[in-house]
Amino acid sequence: MMRPMKLGGSELLFGQGTLSHLETIKAKKAVIVLANDVMIKNGVMAIIENHLKNANISFSIFMGIESDPGLATVKRGANFMIQYQPDVIIAVGGGSAMDAAKAMWIFYENPDINDLETLMDKEKFPKLRKKAQLVCIPSTAGTASEVSRSIVISDDKTGIKYGIGNMEMVPDIAICDPITTISLPKSITAETGMDALCHALEAIVSTRANYLSDILAEKAIYDIFNTLPKVIEEGTNIQYRETMLTAAMVAGLAFTNVSLGITHSIAHGLGSIFKMPHGLANAILLPYIVDFNSQNEPTKKIYNNIAQKLGYNTLSKALIDLNTNLGIPLALKDRLPNKHDFDSKIEDLINYALTDGCTKTNPIFPTKSHLRSIIKMAYAGKE
């Protein structure tokens, strides 16, 4: 039976100049959540602050979020909000800032909750919007947290990442203005762009894929394939940045409704166990997963159709060439050179991937043997 679709929150804006929409928000006090001072240094915060002042919204900034936000940081932010009592929370940044802001929102409105396990239970997940609405302004064309139902928060003691999903967390307002991405370095542009491509490629072959999600995913796939190399060459081209940011958002609309696959499952494990950046892990793994999933005939047909439209015989070759053009390595060993250490943790990585929520919607449900083979091949690399 098909699950209900939710295409973003109350308002979704994309394109140049859309930050001005902040002036229409009905609120009195805002907490702005930033990972670091990048948005201050590149001038984006000055634009945001001007719009808030024009709307007569007072604000305070919470800053200081690690790349894999932990529960302690989330609780610190929630306590900051409890003190300030905002009626709107504005997250500005990449996936870490937006995920952390969503989690802070939960604990701000529900201070009786103290752990992540409660949030993993769909029956116990609380209703939100009792005190504040959430606005997300992405600064990377990648995670699409601005339209997704998901967050990834790390346990401070174990380092294990908790992937939590609930439609309550879809932000009320998403503003995708490409001005926020202009100063993004090439390496982060490449890795976050490949994360977005992975979202679309996994959504289009998800076991929950449907007519509407396919339309969204397919458009995102072609736009990212065509635009990502261009934006790497011309990082200040606002049109390329806009296309990438919009395509990443559209890919997010697809995957948040139909879920993902084992590229993400393994990448989540690589992030938890080896601290590998998420987009990088997805990019390296994706060609190997495409080859594995091609054993499923309907999936192979979808992949081949995409490859042909891109001018390739196989999708995995198109992905390998794209990674090469972007300066992304083709094997995990290039970023994790200690083979003995990697081998000693493969079983942990396999078990992590098997229990990850994304695995159940992969077109082929993998065995431990399947995952071991994929991971070893991705580590060693191949032609």
Foldseek 3Di string as FASTA:
>chain_A
DADDADFFAQAEAAEAPQLLCLLVDPWAEEEEFEAACPCVVLCVVVVNVVSCVNNNHHYDYDYHADPAGAPVSLVVLLVVCLVVQTQEYEFEEAQRRLLSSLSSQQCNVPVVDDDCVLLQDPVNRDAGSPRYAYEYEYLALADLLQAAQWHWHAYPPQLAIDIGGDPSSRGNYYYYHLSSHLPPALVRNLLRLLNLLQLLLFLCQFLNHDDVLVVLSLVLNVLSLVLSLVCSVVSNPSVSSRSSNVSSNSSNSRCNRRNGALLQQLLSLCCRPVVDDSSLSSLLLVLLLLVVLCVDPVSVVVQCVSQVVVVHRGNSVSSVVSCVSSVRDNAPCVVVVPVVVVVVCQVVSLVSSLPDPRHVGGNDNDDSVVSSVSNVCRHVDDD
